[in-house]
């Protein structure tokens, strides 16, 4: 009853944030010359300014298995 979220909005907007991580993975795939994400490649990353919900580390770990810190 205390939440005021406009209709049509997610809290947080997960699809857009997941798209951003997929964009990063695609760019990494392009950088390796094969055009795809290297299978089994270990990634460690730091999310500076993670905030209260830590959605990027959660999505990155779940979607790609990246080890994230915040």
PDB file of N, CA and C in Angstrom:
ATOM      1  N   UNK A   1       0.821  -1.199   0.000  1.00  0.00           N
ATOM      2  CA  UNK A   1       0.000   0.000   0.000  1.00  0.00           C
ATOM      3  C   UNK A   1       0.866   1.265   0.000  1.00  0.00           C
ATOM      4  N   UNK A   2       2.154   1.147   0.348  1.00  0.00           N
ATOM      5  CA  UNK A   2       3.013   2.329   0.410  1.00  0.00           C
ATOM      6  C   UNK A   2       3.786   2.584  -0.882  1.00  0.00           C
ATOM      7  N   UNK A   3       3.655   1.693  -1.859  1.00  0.00           N
ATOM      8  CA  UNK A   3       4.393   1.839  -3.110  1.00  0.00           C
ATOM      9  C   UNK A   3       3.624   2.712  -4.085  1.00  0.00           C
ATOM     10  N   UNK A   4       4.344   3.559  -4.795  1.00  0.00           N
ATOM     11  CA  UNK A   4       3.733   4.382  -5.827  1.00  0.00           C
ATOM     12  C   UNK A   4       4.541   4.201  -7.118  1.00  0.00           C
ATOM     13  N   UNK A   5       4.270   3.117  -7.835  1.00  0.00           N
ATOM     14  CA  UNK A   5       4.970   2.808  -9.082  1.00  0.00           C
ATOM     15  C   UNK A   5       3.995   3.028 -10.226  1.00  0.00           C
ATOM     16  N   UNK A   6       4.372   3.851 -11.211  1.00  0.00           N
ATOM     17  CA  UNK A   6       3.456   4.108 -12.327  1.00  0.00           C
ATOM     18  C   UNK A   6       3.084   2.824 -13.068  1.00  0.00           C
ATOM     19  N   UNK A   7       1.885   2.786 -13.596  1.00  0.00           N
ATOM     20  CA  UNK A   7       1.427   1.624 -14.363  1.00  0.00           C
ATOM     21  C   UNK A   7       2.351   1.402 -15.557  1.00  0.00           C
ATOM     22  N   UNK A   8       2.672   0.144 -15.850  1.00  0.00           N
ATOM     23  CA  UNK A   8       3.524  -0.176 -16.975  1.00  0.00           C
ATOM     24  C   UNK A   8       5.005  -0.177 -16.666  1.00  0.00           C
ATOM     25  N   UNK A   9       5.391   0.091 -15.415  1.00  0.00           N
ATOM     26  CA  UNK A   9       6.796   0.121 -15.029  1.00  0.00           C
ATOM     27  C   UNK A   9       7.123  -1.062 -14.131  1.00  0.00           C
ATOM     28  N   UNK A  10       8.310  -1.612 -14.324  1.00  0.00           N
ATOM     29  CA  UNK A  10       8.802  -2.624 -13.406  1.00  0.00           C
ATOM     30  C   UNK A  10       9.714  -1.945 -12.399  1.00  0.00           C
ATOM     31  N   UNK A  11       9.890  -2.535 -11.277  1.00  0.00           N
ATOM     32  CA  UNK A  11      10.762  -1.961 -10.257  1.00  0.00           C
ATOM     33  C   UNK A  11      11.750  -3.025  -9.810  1.00  0.00           C
ATOM     34  N   UNK A  12      12.979  -3.008 -10.194  1.00  0.00           N
ATOM     35  CA  UNK A  12      13.600  -2.148 -11.206  1.00  0.00           C
ATOM     36  C   UNK A  12      13.276  -2.641 -12.609  1.00  0.00           C
ATOM     37  N   UNK A  13      13.543  -1.824 -13.627  1.00  0.00           N
ATOM     38  CA  UNK A  13      13.224  -2.218 -15.006  1.00  0.00           C
ATOM     39  C   UNK A  13      14.189  -3.292 -15.506  1.00  0.00           C
ATOM     40  N   UNK A  14      13.913  -4.521 -15.170  1.00  0.00           N
ATOM     41  CA  UNK A  14      14.809  -5.650 -15.435  1.00  0.00           C
ATOM     42  C   UNK A  14      15.137  -5.846 -16.916  1.00  0.00           C
ATOM     43  N   UNK A  15      14.156  -5.845 -17.831  1.00  0.00           N
ATOM     44  CA  UNK A  15      14.498  -6.134 -19.229  1.00  0.00           C
ATOM     45  C   UNK A  15      15.558  -5.207 -19.811  1.00  0.00           C
ATOM     46  N   UNK A  16      15.484  -3.922 -19.544  1.00  0.00           N
ATOM     47  CA  UNK A  16      16.475  -2.988 -20.057  1.00  0.00           C
ATOM     48  C   UNK A  16      17.850  -3.233 -19.482  1.00  0.00           C
ATOM     49  N   UNK A  17      17.907  -3.620 -18.238  1.00  0.00           N
ATOM     50  CA  UNK A  17      19.193  -3.887 -17.594  1.00  0.00           C
ATOM     51  C   UNK A  17      19.798  -5.188 -18.105  1.00  0.00           C
ATOM     52  N   UNK A  18      18.974  -6.177 -18.338  1.00  0.00           N
ATOM     53  CA  UNK A  18      19.470  -7.430 -18.921  1.00  0.00           C
ATOM     54  C   UNK A  18      19.961  -7.186 -20.347  1.00  0.00           C
ATOM     55  N   UNK A  19      19.261  -6.331 -21.101  1.00  0.00           N
ATOM     56  CA  UNK A  19      19.704  -5.995 -22.456  1.00  0.00           C
ATOM     57  C   UNK A  19      21.086  -5.365 -22.440  1.00  0.00           C
ATOM     58  N   UNK A  20      21.342  -4.518 -21.461  1.00  0.00           N
ATOM     59  CA  UNK A  20      22.647  -3.883 -21.347  1.00  0.00           C
ATOM     60  C   UNK A  20      23.741  -4.929 -21.132  1.00  0.00           C
ATOM     61  N   UNK A  21      23.503  -5.901 -20.281  1.00  0.00           N
ATOM     62  CA  UNK A  21      24.488  -6.956 -20.044  1.00  0.00           C
ATOM     63  C   UNK A  21      24.693  -7.816 -21.292  1.00  0.00           C
ATOM     64  N   UNK A  22      23.618  -8.089 -22.018  1.00  0.00           N
ATOM     65  CA  UNK A  22      23.751  -8.842 -23.268  1.00  0.00           C
ATOM     66  C   UNK A  22      24.557  -8.045 -24.295  1.00  0.00           C
ATOM     67  N   UNK A  23      24.384  -6.724 -24.295  1.00  0.00           N
ATOM     68  CA  UNK A  23      25.176  -5.866 -25.171  1.00  0.00           C
ATOM     69  C   UNK A  23      26.659  -5.980 -24.822  1.00  0.00           C
ATOM     70  N   UNK A  24      26.991  -5.943 -23.529  1.00  0.00           N
ATOM     71  CA  UNK A  24      28.387  -6.095 -23.112  1.00  0.00           C
ATOM     72  C   UNK A  24      28.954  -7.448 -23.536  1.00  0.00           C
ATOM     73  N   UNK A  25      28.168  -8.487 -23.371  1.00  0.00           N
ATOM     74  CA  UNK A  25      28.619  -9.819 -23.774  1.00  0.00           C
ATOM     75  C   UNK A  25      28.831  -9.884 -25.288  1.00  0.00           C
ATOM     76  N   UNK A  26      27.943  -9.259 -26.053  1.00  0.00           N
ATOM     77  CA  UNK A  26      28.100  -9.228 -27.511  1.00  0.00           C
ATOM     78  C   UNK A  26      29.359  -8.474 -27.911  1.00  0.00           C
ATOM     79  N   UNK A  27      29.603  -7.341 -27.260  1.00  0.00           N
ATOM     80  CA  UNK A  27      30.813  -6.560 -27.562  1.00  0.00           C
ATOM     81  C   UNK A  27      32.061  -7.365 -27.229  1.00  0.00           C
ATOM     82  N   UNK A  28      32.028  -8.106 -26.152  1.00  0.00           N
ATOM     83  CA  UNK A  28      33.171  -8.946 -25.781  1.00  0.00           C
ATOM     84  C   UNK A  28      33.372 -10.039 -26.819  1.00  0.00           C
ATOM     85  N   UNK A  29      32.300 -10.585 -27.328  1.00  0.00           N
ATOM     86  CA  UNK A  29      32.398 -11.589 -28.378  1.00  0.00           C
ATOM     87  C   UNK A  29      33.003 -11.031 -29.653  1.00  0.00           C
ATOM     88  N   UNK A  30      32.638  -9.798 -29.991  1.00  0.00           N
ATOM     89  CA  UNK A  30      33.214  -9.157 -31.172  1.00  0.00           C
ATOM     90  C   UNK A  30      34.707  -8.912 -30.977  1.00  0.00           C
ATOM     91  N   UNK A  31      35.103  -8.569 -29.772  1.00  0.00           N
ATOM     92  CA  UNK A  31      36.505  -8.250 -29.484  1.00  0.00           C
ATOM     93  C   UNK A  31      37.409  -9.476 -29.606  1.00  0.00           C
ATOM     94  N   UNK A  32      36.862 -10.661 -29.413  1.00  0.00           N
ATOM     95  CA  UNK A  32      37.711 -11.852 -29.483  1.00  0.00           C
ATOM     96  C   UNK A  32      37.868 -12.371 -30.910  1.00  0.00           C
ATOM     97  N   UNK A  33      37.212 -11.718 -31.868  1.00  0.00           N
ATOM     98  CA  UNK A  33      37.367 -12.090 -33.265  1.00  0.00           C
ATOM     99  C   UNK A  33      36.499 -13.242 -33.722  1.00  0.00           C
ATOM    100  N   UNK A  34      35.765 -13.860 -32.806  1.00  0.00           N
ATOM    101  CA  UNK A  34      34.896 -14.989 -33.170  1.00  0.00           C
ATOM    102  C   UNK A  34      33.435 -14.595 -33.276  1.00  0.00           C
ATOM    103  N   UNK A  35      33.122 -13.395 -32.818  1.00  0.00           N
ATOM    104  CA  UNK A  35      31.752 -12.916 -32.918  1.00  0.00           C
ATOM    105  C   UNK A  35      30.793 -13.501 -31.906  1.00  0.00           C
ATOM    106  N   UNK A  36      31.284 -14.292 -30.973  1.00  0.00           N
ATOM    107  CA  UNK A  36      30.416 -14.841 -29.935  1.00  0.00           C
ATOM    108  C   UNK A  36      31.171 -14.901 -28.621  1.00  0.00           C
ATOM    109  N   UNK A  37      30.414 -15.034 -27.575  1.00  0.00           N
ATOM    110  CA  UNK A  37      30.988 -15.113 -26.238  1.00  0.00           C
ATOM    111  C   UNK A  37      31.752 -16.429 -26.109  1.00  0.00           C
ATOM    112  N   UNK A  38      33.018 -16.382 -25.677  1.00  0.00           N
ATOM    113  CA  UNK A  38      33.781 -17.628 -25.546  1.00  0.00           C
ATOM    114  C   UNK A  38      33.189 -18.532 -24.473  1.00  0.00           C
ATOM    115  N   UNK A  39      32.816 -19.753 -24.807  1.00  0.00           N
ATOM    116  CA  UNK A  39      32.245 -20.650 -23.806  1.00  0.00           C
ATOM    117  C   UNK A  39      33.247 -20.952 -22.702  1.00  0.00           C
ATOM    118  N   UNK A  40      32.769 -20.915 -21.485  1.00  0.00           N
ATOM    119  CA  UNK A  40      33.600 -21.249 -20.329  1.00  0.00           C
ATOM    120  C   UNK A  40      34.547 -20.159 -19.894  1.00  0.00           C
ATOM    121  N   UNK A  41      34.531 -18.995 -20.587  1.00  0.00           N
ATOM    122  CA  UNK A  41      35.426 -17.918 -20.182  1.00  0.00           C
ATOM    123  C   UNK A  41      34.988 -17.356 -18.841  1.00  0.00           C
ATOM    124  N   UNK A  42      35.935 -17.229 -17.924  1.00  0.00           N
ATOM    125  CA  UNK A  42      35.626 -16.698 -16.599  1.00  0.00           C
ATOM    126  C   UNK A  42      35.723 -15.182 -16.624  1.00  0.00           C
ATOM    127  N   UNK A  43      34.730 -14.537 -16.099  1.00  0.00           N
ATOM    128  CA  UNK A  43      34.698 -13.079 -16.044  1.00  0.00           C
ATOM    129  C   UNK A  43      34.519 -12.664 -14.600  1.00  0.00           C
ATOM    130  N   UNK A  44      35.349 -11.732 -14.184  1.00  0.00           N
ATOM    131  CA  UNK A  44      35.204 -11.127 -12.866  1.00  0.00           C
ATOM    132  C   UNK A  44      35.027  -9.636 -13.096  1.00  0.00           C
ATOM    133  N   UNK A  45      34.040  -9.059 -12.451  1.00  0.00           N
ATOM    134  CA  UNK A  45      33.741  -7.646 -12.664  1.00  0.00           C
ATOM    135  C   UNK A  45      33.342  -6.991 -11.353  1.00  0.00           C
ATOM    136  N   UNK A  46      33.458  -5.682 -11.330  1.00  0.00           N
ATOM    137  CA  UNK A  46      33.086  -4.886 -10.168  1.00  0.00           C
ATOM    138  C   UNK A  46      32.055  -3.862 -10.607  1.00  0.00           C
ATOM    139  N   UNK A  47      30.936  -3.828  -9.939  1.00  0.00           N
ATOM    140  CA  UNK A  47      29.895  -2.840 -10.216  1.00  0.00           C
ATOM    141  C   UNK A  47      30.061  -1.724  -9.194  1.00  0.00           C
ATOM    142  N   UNK A  48      30.638  -0.612  -9.630  1.00  0.00           N
ATOM    143  CA  UNK A  48      30.850   0.533  -8.749  1.00  0.00           C
ATOM    144  C   UNK A  48      29.542   1.305  -8.649  1.00  0.00           C
ATOM    145  N   UNK A  49      29.121   1.616  -7.460  1.00  0.00           N
ATOM    146  CA  UNK A  49      27.861   2.322  -7.265  1.00  0.00           C
ATOM    147  C   UNK A  49      26.669   1.397  -7.395  1.00  0.00           C
ATOM    148  N   UNK A  50      26.828   0.179  -6.890  1.00  0.00           N
ATOM    149  CA  UNK A  50      25.822  -0.863  -7.051  1.00  0.00           C
ATOM    150  C   UNK A  50      24.446  -0.439  -6.524  1.00  0.00           C
ATOM    151  N   UNK A  51      24.377   0.424  -5.569  1.00  0.00           N
ATOM    152  CA  UNK A  51      23.087   0.888  -5.067  1.00  0.00           C
ATOM    153  C   UNK A  51      22.405  -0.132  -4.173  1.00  0.00           C
ATOM    154  N   UNK A  52      21.139   0.101  -3.943  1.00  0.00           N
ATOM    155  CA  UNK A  52      20.399  -0.696  -2.976  1.00  0.00           C
ATOM    156  C   UNK A  52      19.986  -2.061  -3.492  1.00  0.00           C
ATOM    157  N   UNK A  53      19.781  -2.200  -4.810  1.00  0.00           N
ATOM    158  CA  UNK A  53      19.221  -3.462  -5.292  1.00  0.00           C
ATOM    159  C   UNK A  53      20.243  -4.389  -5.927  1.00  0.00           C
ATOM    160  N   UNK A  54      21.396  -3.912  -6.372  1.00  0.00           N
ATOM    161  CA  UNK A  54      22.434  -4.766  -6.936  1.00  0.00           C
ATOM    162  C   UNK A  54      21.958  -5.591  -8.114  1.00  0.00           C
ATOM    163  N   UNK A  55      21.115  -5.022  -8.974  1.00  0.00           N
ATOM    164  CA  UNK A  55      20.499  -5.806 -10.031  1.00  0.00           C
ATOM    165  C   UNK A  55      21.489  -6.243 -11.099  1.00  0.00           C
ATOM    166  N   UNK A  56      22.463  -5.402 -11.438  1.00  0.00           N
ATOM    167  CA  UNK A  56      23.428  -5.808 -12.464  1.00  0.00           C
ATOM    168  C   UNK A  56      24.252  -7.019 -12.039  1.00  0.00           C
ATOM    169  N   UNK A  57      24.823  -7.028 -10.830  1.00  0.00           N
ATOM    170  CA  UNK A  57      25.554  -8.231 -10.415  1.00  0.00           C
ATOM    171  C   UNK A  57      24.677  -9.487 -10.391  1.00  0.00           C
ATOM    172  N   UNK A  58      23.442  -9.345  -9.942  1.00  0.00           N
ATOM    173  CA  UNK A  58      22.536 -10.498  -9.899  1.00  0.00           C
ATOM    174  C   UNK A  58      22.238 -11.031 -11.300  1.00  0.00           C
ATOM    175  N   UNK A  59      21.931 -10.131 -12.225  1.00  0.00           N
ATOM    176  CA  UNK A  59      21.631 -10.555 -13.597  1.00  0.00           C
ATOM    177  C   UNK A  59      22.858 -11.120 -14.299  1.00  0.00           C
ATOM    178  N   UNK A  60      24.015 -10.481 -14.106  1.00  0.00           N
ATOM    179  CA  UNK A  60      25.241 -10.944 -14.759  1.00  0.00           C
ATOM    180  C   UNK A  60      25.631 -12.338 -14.282  1.00  0.00           C
ATOM    181  N   UNK A  61      25.460 -12.584 -13.000  1.00  0.00           N
ATOM    182  CA  UNK A  61      25.783 -13.899 -12.472  1.00  0.00           C
ATOM    183  C   UNK A  61      24.809 -14.944 -12.980  1.00  0.00           C
ATOM    184  N   UNK A  62      23.547 -14.618 -12.965  1.00  0.00           N
ATOM    185  CA  UNK A  62      22.524 -15.583 -13.375  1.00  0.00           C
ATOM    186  C   UNK A  62      22.545 -15.848 -14.889  1.00  0.00           C
ATOM    187  N   UNK A  63      22.741 -14.799 -15.682  1.00  0.00           N
ATOM    188  CA  UNK A  63      22.696 -14.942 -17.136  1.00  0.00           C
ATOM    189  C   UNK A  63      23.965 -15.519 -17.731  1.00  0.00           C
ATOM    190  N   UNK A  64      25.128 -15.122 -17.167  1.00  0.00           N
ATOM    191  CA  UNK A  64      26.396 -15.491 -17.784  1.00  0.00           C
ATOM    192  C   UNK A  64      27.352 -16.212 -16.860  1.00  0.00           C
ATOM    193  N   UNK A  65      27.008 -16.298 -15.577  1.00  0.00           N
ATOM    194  CA  UNK A  65      27.908 -16.935 -14.624  1.00  0.00           C
ATOM    195  C   UNK A  65      29.086 -16.061 -14.243  1.00  0.00           C
ATOM    196  N   UNK A  66      29.004 -14.759 -14.528  1.00  0.00           N
ATOM    197  CA  UNK A  66      30.087 -13.846 -14.188  1.00  0.00           C
ATOM    198  C   UNK A  66      30.187 -13.715 -12.677  1.00  0.00           C
ATOM    199  N   UNK A  67      31.394 -13.590 -12.190  1.00  0.00           N
ATOM    200  CA  UNK A  67      31.623 -13.338 -10.761  1.00  0.00           C
ATOM    201  C   UNK A  67      31.643 -11.838 -10.561  1.00  0.00           C
ATOM    202  N   UNK A  68      30.685 -11.354  -9.808  1.00  0.00           N
ATOM    203  CA  UNK A  68      30.517  -9.911  -9.660  1.00  0.00           C
ATOM    204  C   UNK A  68      30.743  -9.477  -8.216  1.00  0.00           C
ATOM    205  N   UNK A  69      31.262  -8.288  -8.070  1.00  0.00           N
ATOM    206  CA  UNK A  69      31.398  -7.650  -6.771  1.00  0.00           C
ATOM    207  C   UNK A  69      30.780  -6.278  -6.854  1.00  0.00           C
ATOM    208  N   UNK A  70      30.397  -5.748  -5.721  1.00  0.00           N
ATOM    209  CA  UNK A  70      29.773  -4.424  -5.750  1.00  0.00           C
ATOM    210  C   UNK A  70      30.114  -3.623  -4.544  1.00  0.00           C
TER     211      UNK A  70
END
